[in-house]
Amino acid sequence: MMISLQAPEAQSRAHMVTFQSIPNLNLTAEDKRVYGNLFKEADPSGFGAVSGDRAVKFFERTRLAA
């Protein structure tokens, strides 16, 4: 059994990617709308980040080539 000294919120945020960590992209207004909606779908709780597990499940549905 492993014991963690981190608070639960710190543990859950350790493996997340947020919009702040993505480089500045020159997206059109339409691209921002579309990608914003996709992010909201991947982050239904509105936390502002997507966990690795949730991201994997989200992208598996796209059937993009690995």
PDB file of N, CA and C in Angstrom:
ATOM      1  N   MET A   1       0.844  -1.175   0.000  1.00  0.00           N
ATOM      2  CA  MET A   1       0.000   0.000   0.000  1.00  0.00           C
ATOM      3  C   MET A   1       0.890   1.238   0.000  1.00  0.00           C
ATOM      4  N   MET A   2       0.532   2.217  -0.835  1.00  0.00           N
ATOM      5  CA  MET A   2       1.294   3.456  -0.897  1.00  0.00           C
ATOM      6  C   MET A   2       0.559   4.548  -0.143  1.00  0.00           C
ATOM      7  N   ILE A   3       1.315   5.355   0.549  1.00  0.00           N
ATOM      8  CA  ILE A   3       0.741   6.481   1.281  1.00  0.00           C
ATOM      9  C   ILE A   3       1.230   7.757   0.622  1.00  0.00           C
ATOM     10  N   SER A   4       0.321   8.659   0.340  1.00  0.00           N
ATOM     11  CA  SER A   4       0.676   9.921  -0.298  1.00  0.00           C
ATOM     12  C   SER A   4       0.617  11.044   0.722  1.00  0.00           C
ATOM     13  N   LEU A   5       1.574  11.950   0.634  1.00  0.00           N
ATOM     14  CA  LEU A   5       1.594  13.104   1.512  1.00  0.00           C
ATOM     15  C   LEU A   5       0.954  14.324   0.862  1.00  0.00           C
ATOM     16  N   GLN A   6       0.533  14.196  -0.393  1.00  0.00           N
ATOM     17  CA  GLN A   6      -0.100  15.305  -1.093  1.00  0.00           C
ATOM     18  C   GLN A   6      -1.594  15.333  -0.811  1.00  0.00           C
ATOM     19  N   ALA A   7      -2.144  16.541  -0.844  1.00  0.00           N
ATOM     20  CA  ALA A   7      -3.593  16.679  -0.732  1.00  0.00           C
ATOM     21  C   ALA A   7      -4.235  16.043  -1.958  1.00  0.00           C
ATOM     22  N   PRO A   8      -5.457  15.513  -1.835  1.00  0.00           N
ATOM     23  CA  PRO A   8      -6.123  14.874  -2.980  1.00  0.00           C
ATOM     24  C   PRO A   8      -6.198  15.774  -4.205  1.00  0.00           C
ATOM     25  N   GLU A   9      -6.449  17.094  -4.008  1.00  0.00           N
ATOM     26  CA  GLU A   9      -6.543  17.964  -5.177  1.00  0.00           C
ATOM     27  C   GLU A   9      -5.211  18.084  -5.892  1.00  0.00           C
ATOM     28  N   ALA A  10      -4.109  18.090  -5.147  1.00  0.00           N
ATOM     29  CA  ALA A  10      -2.782  18.173  -5.762  1.00  0.00           C
ATOM     30  C   ALA A  10      -2.484  16.907  -6.551  1.00  0.00           C
ATOM     31  N   GLN A  11      -2.898  15.759  -6.022  1.00  0.00           N
ATOM     32  CA  GLN A  11      -2.690  14.504  -6.726  1.00  0.00           C
ATOM     33  C   GLN A  11      -3.462  14.485  -8.033  1.00  0.00           C
ATOM     34  N   SER A  12      -4.720  14.907  -8.013  1.00  0.00           N
ATOM     35  CA  SER A  12      -5.544  14.832  -9.211  1.00  0.00           C
ATOM     36  C   SER A  12      -5.095  15.828 -10.262  1.00  0.00           C
ATOM     37  N   ARG A  13      -4.466  16.923  -9.869  1.00  0.00           N
ATOM     38  CA  ARG A  13      -4.016  17.931 -10.830  1.00  0.00           C
ATOM     39  C   ARG A  13      -2.624  17.641 -11.372  1.00  0.00           C
ATOM     40  N   ALA A  14      -1.919  16.690 -10.793  1.00  0.00           N
ATOM     41  CA  ALA A  14      -0.538  16.432 -11.173  1.00  0.00           C
ATOM     42  C   ALA A  14      -0.404  15.953 -12.614  1.00  0.00           C
ATOM     43  N   HIS A  15      -1.413  15.295 -13.157  1.00  0.00           N
ATOM     44  CA  HIS A  15      -1.326  14.717 -14.497  1.00  0.00           C
ATOM     45  C   HIS A  15      -2.332  15.350 -15.443  1.00  0.00           C
ATOM     46  N   MET A  16      -2.585  16.626 -15.291  1.00  0.00           N
ATOM     47  CA  MET A  16      -3.567  17.291 -16.132  1.00  0.00           C
ATOM     48  C   MET A  16      -2.909  18.333 -17.022  1.00  0.00           C
ATOM     49  N   VAL A  17      -3.519  18.536 -18.174  1.00  0.00           N
ATOM     50  CA  VAL A  17      -3.082  19.571 -19.103  1.00  0.00           C
ATOM     51  C   VAL A  17      -4.172  20.621 -19.153  1.00  0.00           C
ATOM     52  N   THR A  18      -3.789  21.874 -19.058  1.00  0.00           N
ATOM     53  CA  THR A  18      -4.762  22.957 -19.117  1.00  0.00           C
ATOM     54  C   THR A  18      -4.461  23.843 -20.312  1.00  0.00           C
ATOM     55  N   PHE A  19      -5.405  24.715 -20.645  1.00  0.00           N
ATOM     56  CA  PHE A  19      -5.189  25.644 -21.741  1.00  0.00           C
ATOM     57  C   PHE A  19      -3.976  26.536 -21.476  1.00  0.00           C
ATOM     58  N   GLN A  20      -3.648  26.831 -20.224  1.00  0.00           N
ATOM     59  CA  GLN A  20      -2.510  27.683 -19.915  1.00  0.00           C
ATOM     60  C   GLN A  20      -1.190  27.034 -20.329  1.00  0.00           C
ATOM     61  N   SER A  21      -1.125  25.714 -20.390  1.00  0.00           N
ATOM     62  CA  SER A  21       0.122  25.039 -20.720  1.00  0.00           C
ATOM     63  C   SER A  21       0.298  24.819 -22.220  1.00  0.00           C
ATOM     64  N   ILE A  22      -0.657  25.239 -23.022  1.00  0.00           N
ATOM     65  CA  ILE A  22      -0.595  25.084 -24.467  1.00  0.00           C
ATOM     66  C   ILE A  22      -0.023  26.363 -25.068  1.00  0.00           C
ATOM     67  N   PRO A  23       0.901  26.245 -26.032  1.00  0.00           N
ATOM     68  CA  PRO A  23       1.477  27.451 -26.626  1.00  0.00           C
ATOM     69  C   PRO A  23       0.418  28.307 -27.316  1.00  0.00           C
ATOM     70  N   ASN A  24       0.722  29.587 -27.474  1.00  0.00           N
ATOM     71  CA  ASN A  24      -0.191  30.514 -28.127  1.00  0.00           C
ATOM     72  C   ASN A  24      -0.398  30.085 -29.579  1.00  0.00           C
ATOM     73  N   LEU A  25      -1.627  29.831 -29.962  1.00  0.00           N
ATOM     74  CA  LEU A  25      -1.971  29.427 -31.317  1.00  0.00           C
ATOM     75  C   LEU A  25      -2.780  30.527 -31.973  1.00  0.00           C
ATOM     76  N   ASN A  26      -2.625  30.682 -33.267  1.00  0.00           N
ATOM     77  CA  ASN A  26      -3.408  31.664 -34.008  1.00  0.00           C
ATOM     78  C   ASN A  26      -4.660  30.986 -34.549  1.00  0.00           C
ATOM     79  N   LEU A  27      -5.670  30.879 -33.715  1.00  0.00           N
ATOM     80  CA  LEU A  27      -6.914  30.226 -34.099  1.00  0.00           C
ATOM     81  C   LEU A  27      -7.929  31.259 -34.567  1.00  0.00           C
ATOM     82  N   THR A  28      -8.746  30.850 -35.525  1.00  0.00           N
ATOM     83  CA  THR A  28      -9.843  31.714 -35.945  1.00  0.00           C
ATOM     84  C   THR A  28     -10.914  31.690 -34.864  1.00  0.00           C
ATOM     85  N   ALA A  29     -11.835  32.613 -34.939  1.00  0.00           N
ATOM     86  CA  ALA A  29     -12.943  32.641 -33.974  1.00  0.00           C
ATOM     87  C   ALA A  29     -13.734  31.340 -34.040  1.00  0.00           C
ATOM     88  N   GLU A  30     -13.923  30.811 -35.245  1.00  0.00           N
ATOM     89  CA  GLU A  30     -14.651  29.546 -35.411  1.00  0.00           C
ATOM     90  C   GLU A  30     -13.873  28.397 -34.780  1.00  0.00           C
ATOM     91  N   ASP A  31     -12.549  28.346 -34.986  1.00  0.00           N
ATOM     92  CA  ASP A  31     -11.725  27.307 -34.363  1.00  0.00           C
ATOM     93  C   ASP A  31     -11.834  27.373 -32.842  1.00  0.00           C
ATOM     94  N   LYS A  32     -11.754  28.569 -32.285  1.00  0.00           N
ATOM     95  CA  LYS A  32     -11.860  28.742 -30.830  1.00  0.00           C
ATOM     96  C   LYS A  32     -13.202  28.241 -30.324  1.00  0.00           C
ATOM     97  N   ARG A  33     -14.261  28.526 -31.073  1.00  0.00           N
ATOM     98  CA  ARG A  33     -15.593  28.073 -30.672  1.00  0.00           C
ATOM     99  C   ARG A  33     -15.659  26.549 -30.689  1.00  0.00           C
ATOM    100  N   VAL A  34     -15.194  25.952 -31.792  1.00  0.00           N
ATOM    101  CA  VAL A  34     -15.248  24.493 -31.938  1.00  0.00           C
ATOM    102  C   VAL A  34     -14.399  23.809 -30.872  1.00  0.00           C
ATOM    103  N   TYR A  35     -13.143  24.238 -30.726  1.00  0.00           N
ATOM    104  CA  TYR A  35     -12.261  23.604 -29.746  1.00  0.00           C
ATOM    105  C   TYR A  35     -12.718  23.877 -28.314  1.00  0.00           C
ATOM    106  N   GLY A  36     -13.277  25.044 -28.087  1.00  0.00           N
ATOM    107  CA  GLY A  36     -13.839  25.344 -26.768  1.00  0.00           C
ATOM    108  C   GLY A  36     -14.974  24.403 -26.415  1.00  0.00           C
ATOM    109  N   ASN A  37     -15.832  24.128 -27.403  1.00  0.00           N
ATOM    110  CA  ASN A  37     -16.935  23.187 -27.174  1.00  0.00           C
ATOM    111  C   ASN A  37     -16.418  21.775 -26.928  1.00  0.00           C
ATOM    112  N   LEU A  38     -15.390  21.372 -27.670  1.00  0.00           N
ATOM    113  CA  LEU A  38     -14.801  20.050 -27.446  1.00  0.00           C
ATOM    114  C   LEU A  38     -14.187  19.961 -26.052  1.00  0.00           C
ATOM    115  N   PHE A  39     -13.511  21.031 -25.619  1.00  0.00           N
ATOM    116  CA  PHE A  39     -12.915  21.035 -24.285  1.00  0.00           C
ATOM    117  C   PHE A  39     -14.002  20.946 -23.219  1.00  0.00           C
ATOM    118  N   LYS A  40     -15.103  21.660 -23.425  1.00  0.00           N
ATOM    119  CA  LYS A  40     -16.214  21.590 -22.466  1.00  0.00           C
ATOM    120  C   LYS A  40     -16.778  20.177 -22.401  1.00  0.00           C
ATOM    121  N   GLU A  41     -16.813  19.494 -23.541  1.00  0.00           N
ATOM    122  CA  GLU A  41     -17.295  18.111 -23.563  1.00  0.00           C
ATOM    123  C   GLU A  41     -16.343  17.199 -22.784  1.00  0.00           C
ATOM    124  N   ALA A  42     -15.042  17.446 -22.911  1.00  0.00           N
ATOM    125  CA  ALA A  42     -14.050  16.634 -22.206  1.00  0.00           C
ATOM    126  C   ALA A  42     -13.955  17.001 -20.728  1.00  0.00           C
ATOM    127  N   ASP A  43     -14.421  18.204 -20.374  1.00  0.00           N
ATOM    128  CA  ASP A  43     -14.361  18.708 -18.990  1.00  0.00           C
ATOM    129  C   ASP A  43     -15.763  19.112 -18.535  1.00  0.00           C
ATOM    130  N   PRO A  44     -16.687  18.144 -18.425  1.00  0.00           N
ATOM    131  CA  PRO A  44     -18.079  18.488 -18.102  1.00  0.00           C
ATOM    132  C   PRO A  44     -18.260  19.138 -16.735  1.00  0.00           C
ATOM    133  N   SER A  45     -17.316  18.945 -15.827  1.00  0.00           N
ATOM    134  CA  SER A  45     -17.441  19.554 -14.499  1.00  0.00           C
ATOM    135  C   SER A  45     -17.020  21.020 -14.505  1.00  0.00           C
ATOM    136  N   GLY A  46     -16.410  21.474 -15.602  1.00  0.00           N
ATOM    137  CA  GLY A  46     -15.974  22.861 -15.693  1.00  0.00           C
ATOM    138  C   GLY A  46     -14.753  23.159 -14.843  1.00  0.00           C
ATOM    139  N   PHE A  47     -13.965  22.144 -14.540  1.00  0.00           N
ATOM    140  CA  PHE A  47     -12.778  22.291 -13.695  1.00  0.00           C
ATOM    141  C   PHE A  47     -11.688  23.123 -14.377  1.00  0.00           C
ATOM    142  N   GLY A  48     -11.664  23.110 -15.709  1.00  0.00           N
ATOM    143  CA  GLY A  48     -10.654  23.862 -16.444  1.00  0.00           C
ATOM    144  C   GLY A  48      -9.455  23.030 -16.843  1.00  0.00           C
ATOM    145  N   ALA A  49      -9.534  21.730 -16.609  1.00  0.00           N
ATOM    146  CA  ALA A  49      -8.460  20.817 -16.965  1.00  0.00           C
ATOM    147  C   ALA A  49      -9.069  19.457 -17.263  1.00  0.00           C
ATOM    148  N   VAL A  50      -8.322  18.656 -18.008  1.00  0.00           N
ATOM    149  CA  VAL A  50      -8.789  17.315 -18.359  1.00  0.00           C
ATOM    150  C   VAL A  50      -7.748  16.321 -17.859  1.00  0.00           C
ATOM    151  N   SER A  51      -8.186  15.350 -17.085  1.00  0.00           N
ATOM    152  CA  SER A  51      -7.256  14.341 -16.563  1.00  0.00           C
ATOM    153  C   SER A  51      -6.781  13.452 -17.709  1.00  0.00           C
ATOM    154  N   GLY A  52      -5.660  12.807 -17.500  1.00  0.00           N
ATOM    155  CA  GLY A  52      -5.128  11.897 -18.513  1.00  0.00           C
ATOM    156  C   GLY A  52      -6.099  10.791 -18.858  1.00  0.00           C
ATOM    157  N   ASP A  53      -6.724  10.195 -17.839  1.00  0.00           N
ATOM    158  CA  ASP A  53      -7.685   9.117 -18.080  1.00  0.00           C
ATOM    159  C   ASP A  53      -8.855   9.600 -18.922  1.00  0.00           C
ATOM    160  N   ARG A  54      -9.378  10.769 -18.587  1.00  0.00           N
ATOM    161  CA  ARG A  54     -10.516  11.303 -19.334  1.00  0.00           C
ATOM    162  C   ARG A  54     -10.095  11.678 -20.755  1.00  0.00           C
ATOM    163  N   ALA A  55      -8.886  12.224 -20.908  1.00  0.00           N
ATOM    164  CA  ALA A  55      -8.392  12.598 -22.238  1.00  0.00           C
ATOM    165  C   ALA A  55      -8.246  11.368 -23.127  1.00  0.00           C
ATOM    166  N   VAL A  56      -7.730  10.278 -22.570  1.00  0.00           N
ATOM    167  CA  VAL A  56      -7.586   9.045 -23.345  1.00  0.00           C
ATOM    168  C   VAL A  56      -8.947   8.583 -23.832  1.00  0.00           C
ATOM    169  N   LYS A  57      -9.929   8.532 -22.948  1.00  0.00           N
ATOM    170  CA  LYS A  57     -11.277   8.102 -23.339  1.00  0.00           C
ATOM    171  C   LYS A  57     -11.868   9.035 -24.389  1.00  0.00           C
ATOM    172  N   PHE A  58     -11.646  10.341 -24.217  1.00  0.00           N
ATOM    173  CA  PHE A  58     -12.168  11.331 -25.157  1.00  0.00           C
ATOM    174  C   PHE A  58     -11.558  11.122 -26.544  1.00  0.00           C
ATOM    175  N   PHE A  59     -10.232  10.982 -26.612  1.00  0.00           N
ATOM    176  CA  PHE A  59      -9.574  10.845 -27.910  1.00  0.00           C
ATOM    177  C   PHE A  59      -9.775   9.472 -28.532  1.00  0.00           C
ATOM    178  N   GLU A  60     -10.019   8.444 -27.736  1.00  0.00           N
ATOM    179  CA  GLU A  60     -10.329   7.131 -28.301  1.00  0.00           C
ATOM    180  C   GLU A  60     -11.585   7.198 -29.156  1.00  0.00           C
ATOM    181  N   ARG A  61     -12.523   8.038 -28.764  1.00  0.00           N
ATOM    182  CA  ARG A  61     -13.774   8.172 -29.528  1.00  0.00           C
ATOM    183  C   ARG A  61     -13.539   8.816 -30.893  1.00  0.00           C
ATOM    184  N   THR A  62     -12.447   9.574 -31.063  1.00  0.00           N
ATOM    185  CA  THR A  62     -12.188  10.245 -32.337  1.00  0.00           C
ATOM    186  C   THR A  62     -11.681   9.282 -33.399  1.00  0.00           C
ATOM    187  N   ARG A  63     -11.133   8.165 -32.957  1.00  0.00           N
ATOM    188  CA  ARG A  63     -10.548   7.160 -33.849  1.00  0.00           C
ATOM    189  C   ARG A  63      -9.412   7.728 -34.697  1.00  0.00           C
ATOM    190  N   LEU A  64      -8.705   8.721 -34.153  1.00  0.00           N
ATOM    191  CA  LEU A  64      -7.530   9.253 -34.833  1.00  0.00           C
ATOM    192  C   LEU A  64      -6.419   8.218 -34.805  1.00  0.00           C
ATOM    193  N   ALA A  65      -5.571   8.223 -35.821  1.00  0.00           N
ATOM    194  CA  ALA A  65      -4.442   7.301 -35.848  1.00  0.00           C
ATOM    195  C   ALA A  65      -3.463   7.666 -34.735  1.00  0.00           C
ATOM    196  N   ALA A  66      -2.900   6.652 -34.105  1.00  0.00           N
ATOM    197  CA  ALA A  66      -1.959   6.882 -32.999  1.00  0.00           C
ATOM    198  C   ALA A  66      -0.620   7.335 -33.502  1.00  0.00           C
TER     199      ALA A  66
END
